[in-house]
Protein backbone atom coordinates (compact mmCIF):
# COMPACT_ATOMS: atom_id res chain seq x y z
CA MET A 1 99.97 82.49 93.39
CA ASP A 2 100.40 81.01 96.84
CA ALA A 3 100.53 82.78 100.18
CA SER A 4 104.30 82.47 100.37
CA THR A 5 104.66 84.28 97.03
CA TYR A 6 102.51 87.19 98.19
CA VAL A 7 104.45 87.46 101.44
CA LEU A 8 107.76 87.28 99.57
CA ILE A 9 106.67 90.09 97.25
CA LEU A 10 105.75 92.15 100.32
CA VAL A 11 108.86 91.35 102.37
CA THR A 12 111.58 91.66 99.70
CA PRO A 13 111.51 95.50 99.51
CA ILE A 14 111.52 95.61 103.32
CA ASN A 15 114.60 93.39 103.33
CA ILE A 16 116.39 95.57 100.79
CA ALA A 17 115.55 98.75 102.71
CA LEU A 18 116.66 97.27 106.03
CA ASN A 19 119.93 96.00 104.54
CA VAL A 20 120.72 99.39 103.02
CA TYR A 21 119.86 101.15 106.26
CA PHE A 22 121.75 98.87 108.65
CA VAL A 23 124.83 98.40 106.45
CA HIS A 24 125.29 101.91 105.06
CA HIS A 25 123.54 104.30 107.45
CA THR A 26 124.61 102.89 110.82
CA ASP A 27 127.99 102.02 112.31
CA LEU A 28 127.20 98.31 112.12
CA GLY A 29 128.71 97.74 108.67
CA LEU A 30 128.31 94.13 107.56
CA TYR A 31 127.01 93.22 111.02
CA GLY A 32 123.81 95.03 110.06
CA SER A 33 122.99 92.53 107.31
CA PRO A 34 122.19 89.58 109.63
CA ILE A 35 120.13 91.91 111.80
CA ALA A 36 118.14 92.99 108.75
CA LEU A 37 117.68 89.36 107.71
CA ALA A 38 116.42 88.40 111.18
CA CYS A 39 113.92 91.27 111.05
CA THR A 40 112.83 90.18 107.57
CA PHE A 41 112.27 86.59 108.71
CA SER A 42 110.15 87.88 111.60
CA PHE A 43 108.09 90.07 109.26
CA ALA A 44 107.57 87.13 106.89
CA PHE A 45 106.40 84.92 109.75
CA PHE A 46 103.87 87.47 111.00
CA PHE A 47 102.62 88.27 107.50
CA LEU A 48 102.06 84.56 106.83
CA ILE A 49 100.09 84.29 110.06
CA LEU A 50 97.96 87.30 109.08
CA TYR A 51 97.44 85.93 105.57
CA THR A 52 96.38 82.57 106.96
CA ALA A 53 94.05 84.08 109.56
CA TYR A 54 92.27 86.37 107.09
CA SER A 55 92.50 84.35 103.89
CA PRO A 56 89.13 83.80 102.21
CA THR A 57 90.28 80.37 101.04
CA HIS A 58 90.98 79.19 104.58
CA THR A 59 87.74 80.70 105.80
CA ARG A 60 85.73 79.03 103.04
CA ASN A 61 87.40 75.62 103.44
CA GLN A 62 87.63 75.88 107.22
CA THR A 63 91.19 74.55 107.11
CA TRP A 64 92.41 76.64 110.03
CA GLY A 65 90.30 76.97 113.12
CA GLY A 66 92.58 79.50 114.78
CA LEU A 67 95.15 79.08 117.50
CA GLN A 68 93.98 76.56 120.08
CA LEU A 69 96.19 76.80 123.15
CA ARG A 70 94.96 73.55 124.71
CA THR A 71 95.96 71.60 121.58
CA VAL A 72 99.33 73.33 121.38
CA LEU A 73 100.19 72.44 124.98
CA ASP A 74 98.95 68.84 124.76
CA ALA A 75 101.81 66.41 125.37
CA ARG A 76 100.83 64.11 122.48
CA SER A 77 100.83 66.94 119.95
CA CYS A 78 104.20 68.17 121.27
CA ILE A 79 105.71 64.69 120.85
CA ALA A 80 104.28 64.43 117.34
CA PHE A 81 105.77 67.82 116.49
CA LEU A 82 109.17 66.86 117.89
CA ASN A 83 109.12 63.63 115.86
CA LEU A 84 108.65 65.74 112.75
CA ALA A 85 111.18 68.40 113.79
CA PHE A 86 114.04 66.15 114.93
CA PRO A 87 115.37 65.21 111.46
CA GLY A 88 115.46 68.89 110.48
CA ILE A 89 117.29 69.77 113.67
CA LEU A 90 119.87 67.09 112.92
CA MET A 91 120.25 68.32 109.33
CA PHE A 92 120.85 71.95 110.28
CA GLY A 93 123.10 70.99 113.18
CA SER A 94 125.27 68.79 111.00
CA GLU A 95 125.41 71.48 108.31
CA TRP A 96 126.64 74.09 110.75
CA CYS A 97 129.19 71.64 112.19
CA VAL A 98 130.56 71.03 108.69
CA LEU A 99 130.69 74.76 107.98
CA ALA A 100 132.50 75.42 111.26
CA PHE A 101 134.98 72.66 110.41
CA VAL A 102 135.55 73.98 106.88
CA THR A 103 136.06 77.52 108.14
CA ALA A 104 138.41 76.36 110.90
CA VAL A 105 140.67 74.17 108.75
CA THR A 106 141.13 76.52 105.81
CA PRO A 107 143.60 79.43 105.67
CA HIS A 108 142.24 82.80 106.68
CA ASN A 109 141.66 84.62 103.43
CA ALA A 110 138.32 85.56 101.90
CA LEU A 111 138.06 82.85 99.22
CA SER A 112 139.69 79.90 100.97
CA PRO A 113 136.51 78.08 102.11
CA HIS A 114 135.39 77.81 98.49
CA SER A 115 138.51 75.84 97.59
CA PHE A 116 137.54 73.03 99.97
CA PRO A 117 135.73 70.14 98.20
CA LEU A 118 132.35 70.71 99.86
CA PRO A 119 130.32 68.49 97.49
CA LEU A 120 132.28 65.50 98.80
CA LEU A 121 130.80 66.04 102.25
CA PRO A 122 127.40 64.30 102.51
CA THR A 123 126.00 66.65 105.16
CA TYR A 124 126.52 69.86 103.21
CA SER A 125 123.15 70.97 101.88
CA GLY A 126 123.53 74.07 99.77
CA ASP A 127 123.75 77.77 99.41
CA ILE A 128 122.64 78.65 102.93
CA GLY A 129 126.08 77.84 104.29
CA THR A 130 128.01 79.42 101.44
CA HIS A 131 126.86 82.89 102.43
CA ALA A 132 127.80 82.24 106.04
CA ILE A 133 131.28 81.11 105.00
CA VAL A 134 131.85 84.21 102.86
CA ILE A 135 130.65 86.57 105.60
CA ARG A 136 132.69 84.78 108.26
CA SER A 137 135.81 84.90 106.08
CA LEU A 138 135.31 88.60 105.40
CA LEU A 139 134.89 89.26 109.09
CA ARG A 140 138.06 87.31 109.87
CA SER A 141 140.04 89.13 107.19
CA GLY A 142 139.48 92.61 108.58
CA SER A 143 137.00 95.23 109.55
CA PRO A 144 133.45 94.53 108.35
CA SER A 145 132.77 98.22 107.85
CA LYS A 146 135.71 98.51 105.43
CA SER A 147 134.75 95.39 103.47
CA SER A 148 131.14 96.52 102.98
CA ARG A 149 131.99 99.59 100.95
């Protein structure tokens, strides 16, 4: 198994526990779910860093020499990183623009965004946006605390 699988096995119960806590045991209602997800993403990031830093495979192969601040702040490495990151930024930006458009032009009931022919739009990229549309429609339709129970 890879590092991401180990971290996923570790983080999934944390995500479930945080979702149950924030949605059902606080006054946040459905607003607690994105907070729990943000916490889970942060935990996954830090666990991957710890796994990489202390992995015997990386130590044996010497594939990671640790965090080198001078290399991180070097202008050439920043430009190389931005060249790699720019297409992803465009992809996510266009996806969210399409989702905002779809949510804005459809009637305001809970299932209306799913009736829009999303596969015909070339910038739509999958399930990530579907969950956002459902949550946004539920929030528009009424109180999130009532719709979570």
